[in-house]
Amino acid sequence: VRQQVIAVVEAQLEAFRAGKAMEAYQYAASDLRAQTPPRAFAAIVRENYPFIWSNTRAEHGIVRDNGTYATVRVHVFSSQGDAPYDYVLIKERAGWRIGSVTRFEVRHQDNA
């Protein structure tokens, strides 16, 4: 499962690296594609996920799955900086597809 999940994430990141947003769109889960047209998808990624949009490489963490859903933290690097993202993938007939991506934020507690 790890290899399959990482292959999908890498394929989408590679599509963004190549400037092929419509190809990257094909790796999104069917529910996401049903709700978001391709141009809107590209605009959302470009505006809200700049490190993913202009990524140069990624490092993948532990893949956890239950056969239907999988999660993996992916540290994405670009020329503008880097950030960790939590990816949720969904197993569909066509294989694993990306259902959501959330930037991982470390929460610091004040010791006041």
C-alpha atoms as a PDB file:
ATOM      1  CA  VAL A   1       0.000   0.000   0.000  1.00  0.00           C
ATOM      2  CA  ARG A   2       2.844   2.383   0.866  1.00  0.00           C
ATOM      3  CA  GLN A   3       4.280   2.193  -2.649  1.00  0.00           C
ATOM      4  CA  GLN A   4       0.862   2.725  -4.251  1.00  0.00           C
ATOM      5  CA  VAL A   5      -0.009   5.731  -2.074  1.00  0.00           C
ATOM      6  CA  ILE A   6       3.375   7.389  -2.519  1.00  0.00           C
ATOM      7  CA  ALA A   7       3.253   6.752  -6.274  1.00  0.00           C
ATOM      8  CA  VAL A   8      -0.039   8.689  -6.527  1.00  0.00           C
ATOM      9  CA  VAL A   9       1.230  11.602  -4.420  1.00  0.00           C
ATOM     10  CA  GLU A  10       4.494  11.716  -6.399  1.00  0.00           C
ATOM     11  CA  ALA A  11       2.668  11.529  -9.739  1.00  0.00           C
ATOM     12  CA  GLN A  12       0.535  14.525  -8.804  1.00  0.00           C
ATOM     13  CA  LEU A  13       3.549  16.477  -7.529  1.00  0.00           C
ATOM     14  CA  GLU A  14       5.457  15.633 -10.724  1.00  0.00           C
ATOM     15  CA  ALA A  15       2.527  16.887 -12.806  1.00  0.00           C
ATOM     16  CA  PHE A  16       2.614  20.197 -10.922  1.00  0.00           C
ATOM     17  CA  ARG A  17       6.419  20.366 -11.417  1.00  0.00           C
ATOM     18  CA  ALA A  18       5.870  19.956 -15.154  1.00  0.00           C
ATOM     19  CA  GLY A  19       3.190  22.689 -15.204  1.00  0.00           C
ATOM     20  CA  LYS A  20       0.477  20.138 -16.043  1.00  0.00           C
ATOM     21  CA  ALA A  21      -2.322  21.091 -13.634  1.00  0.00           C
ATOM     22  CA  MET A  22      -4.939  19.168 -15.633  1.00  0.00           C
ATOM     23  CA  GLU A  23      -2.842  16.006 -15.328  1.00  0.00           C
ATOM     24  CA  ALA A  24      -2.475  16.653 -11.579  1.00  0.00           C
ATOM     25  CA  TYR A  25      -6.265  16.978 -11.384  1.00  0.00           C
ATOM     26  CA  GLN A  26      -6.642  13.330 -12.471  1.00  0.00           C
ATOM     27  CA  TYR A  27      -5.096  12.188  -9.180  1.00  0.00           C
ATOM     28  CA  ALA A  28      -7.822  13.907  -7.136  1.00  0.00           C
ATOM     29  CA  ALA A  29     -10.574  11.716  -5.679  1.00  0.00           C
ATOM     30  CA  SER A  30     -13.805  11.481  -7.674  1.00  0.00           C
ATOM     31  CA  ASP A  31     -15.816  13.393  -5.024  1.00  0.00           C
ATOM     32  CA  LEU A  32     -13.344  16.273  -5.175  1.00  0.00           C
ATOM     33  CA  ARG A  33     -13.427  16.295  -8.979  1.00  0.00           C
ATOM     34  CA  ALA A  34     -17.258  16.270  -8.893  1.00  0.00           C
ATOM     35  CA  GLN A  35     -17.263  19.365  -6.651  1.00  0.00           C
ATOM     36  CA  THR A  36     -14.380  21.279  -8.244  1.00  0.00           C
ATOM     37  CA  PRO A  37     -13.913  21.926 -11.964  1.00  0.00           C
ATOM     38  CA  PRO A  38     -10.339  21.625 -13.307  1.00  0.00           C
ATOM     39  CA  ARG A  39      -9.659  25.375 -13.569  1.00  0.00           C
ATOM     40  CA  ALA A  40     -10.942  25.978 -10.039  1.00  0.00           C
ATOM     41  CA  PHE A  41      -8.767  23.121  -8.802  1.00  0.00           C
ATOM     42  CA  ALA A  42      -5.690  24.686 -10.412  1.00  0.00           C
ATOM     43  CA  ALA A  43      -6.522  28.102  -8.943  1.00  0.00           C
ATOM     44  CA  ILE A  44      -7.046  26.647  -5.455  1.00  0.00           C
ATOM     45  CA  VAL A  45      -3.701  24.841  -5.518  1.00  0.00           C
ATOM     46  CA  ARG A  46      -1.837  27.833  -6.968  1.00  0.00           C
ATOM     47  CA  GLU A  47      -3.286  30.276  -4.402  1.00  0.00           C
ATOM     48  CA  ASN A  48      -3.539  28.113  -1.267  1.00  0.00           C
ATOM     49  CA  TYR A  49      -0.788  25.525  -1.705  1.00  0.00           C
ATOM     50  CA  PRO A  50       2.114  27.463  -3.262  1.00  0.00           C
ATOM     51  CA  PHE A  51       4.782  24.959  -2.171  1.00  0.00           C
ATOM     52  CA  ILE A  52       2.846  22.125  -3.813  1.00  0.00           C
ATOM     53  CA  TRP A  53       2.190  24.218  -6.932  1.00  0.00           C
ATOM     54  CA  SER A  54       5.900  24.989  -7.379  1.00  0.00           C
ATOM     55  CA  ASN A  55       7.389  21.925  -5.680  1.00  0.00           C
ATOM     56  CA  THR A  56      10.876  20.697  -6.489  1.00  0.00           C
ATOM     57  CA  ARG A  57      10.836  17.529  -4.366  1.00  0.00           C
ATOM     58  CA  ALA A  58       9.075  15.799  -1.479  1.00  0.00           C
ATOM     59  CA  GLU A  59       9.823  13.483   1.422  1.00  0.00           C
ATOM     60  CA  HIS A  60       7.176  10.976   2.481  1.00  0.00           C
ATOM     61  CA  GLY A  61       6.428   9.831   6.011  1.00  0.00           C
ATOM     62  CA  ILE A  62       4.689   6.741   7.323  1.00  0.00           C
ATOM     63  CA  VAL A  63       1.622   5.619   5.368  1.00  0.00           C
ATOM     64  CA  ARG A  64      -1.299   4.499   7.492  1.00  0.00           C
ATOM     65  CA  ASP A  65      -4.281   2.810   5.891  1.00  0.00           C
ATOM     66  CA  ASN A  66      -7.363   0.776   6.676  1.00  0.00           C
ATOM     67  CA  GLY A  67      -7.935  -0.497   3.129  1.00  0.00           C
ATOM     68  CA  THR A  68     -10.296   2.353   2.236  1.00  0.00           C
ATOM     69  CA  TYR A  69      -8.466   5.448   3.466  1.00  0.00           C
ATOM     70  CA  ALA A  70      -4.766   6.174   3.762  1.00  0.00           C
ATOM     71  CA  THR A  71      -2.892   9.057   5.333  1.00  0.00           C
ATOM     72  CA  VAL A  72       0.669  10.214   4.847  1.00  0.00           C
ATOM     73  CA  ARG A  73       2.600  13.306   5.886  1.00  0.00           C
ATOM     74  CA  VAL A  74       4.499  14.722   2.946  1.00  0.00           C
ATOM     75  CA  HIS A  75       7.172  17.375   3.405  1.00  0.00           C
ATOM     76  CA  VAL A  76       7.116  19.429   0.217  1.00  0.00           C
ATOM     77  CA  PHE A  77      10.029  21.583  -0.890  1.00  0.00           C
ATOM     78  CA  SER A  78      10.019  24.440  -3.405  1.00  0.00           C
ATOM     79  CA  SER A  79      12.316  27.321  -4.276  1.00  0.00           C
ATOM     80  CA  GLN A  80      10.122  29.543  -2.046  1.00  0.00           C
ATOM     81  CA  GLY A  81      10.431  27.330   1.029  1.00  0.00           C
ATOM     82  CA  ASP A  82       8.988  24.115   2.383  1.00  0.00           C
ATOM     83  CA  ALA A  83       6.096  22.827   4.462  1.00  0.00           C
ATOM     84  CA  PRO A  84       4.646  19.542   5.717  1.00  0.00           C
ATOM     85  CA  TYR A  85       1.201  18.493   4.485  1.00  0.00           C
ATOM     86  CA  ASP A  86      -1.153  15.755   5.636  1.00  0.00           C
ATOM     87  CA  TYR A  87      -2.555  13.879   2.644  1.00  0.00           C
ATOM     88  CA  VAL A  88      -5.694  11.749   2.873  1.00  0.00           C
ATOM     89  CA  LEU A  89      -6.175   9.271   0.045  1.00  0.00           C
ATOM     90  CA  ILE A  90      -9.264   7.243  -0.806  1.00  0.00           C
ATOM     91  CA  LYS A  91      -9.228   3.820  -2.450  1.00  0.00           C
ATOM     92  CA  GLU A  92     -11.390   3.991  -5.583  1.00  0.00           C
ATOM     93  CA  ARG A  93     -11.928   1.520  -8.424  1.00  0.00           C
ATOM     94  CA  ALA A  94      -9.173   3.279 -10.368  1.00  0.00           C
ATOM     95  CA  GLY A  95      -6.823   2.994  -7.376  1.00  0.00           C
ATOM     96  CA  TRP A  96      -5.756   5.424  -4.651  1.00  0.00           C
ATOM     97  CA  ARG A  97      -6.790   9.039  -5.205  1.00  0.00           C
ATOM     98  CA  ILE A  98      -6.101  12.177  -3.193  1.00  0.00           C
ATOM     99  CA  GLY A  99      -9.134  13.257  -1.170  1.00  0.00           C
ATOM    100  CA  SER A 100      -7.677  16.143   0.806  1.00  0.00           C
ATOM    101  CA  VAL A 101      -4.460  17.940   1.631  1.00  0.00           C
ATOM    102  CA  THR A 102      -4.015  20.000   4.792  1.00  0.00           C
ATOM    103  CA  ARG A 103      -0.948  21.936   5.782  1.00  0.00           C
ATOM    104  CA  PHE A 104       0.395  20.480   9.006  1.00  0.00           C
ATOM    105  CA  GLU A 105       0.762  23.145  11.658  1.00  0.00           C
ATOM    106  CA  VAL A 106       2.761  22.602  14.809  1.00  0.00           C
ATOM    107  CA  ARG A 107       0.892  24.083  17.733  1.00  0.00           C
ATOM    108  CA  HIS A 108       2.988  25.601  20.468  1.00  0.00           C
ATOM    109  CA  GLN A 109       1.528  26.036  23.913  1.00  0.00           C
ATOM    110  CA  ASP A 110       2.486  29.014  25.974  1.00  0.00           C
ATOM    111  CA  ASN A 111       3.681  28.172  29.433  1.00  0.00           C
ATOM    112  CA  ALA A 112       2.118  31.214  31.051  1.00  0.00           C
END
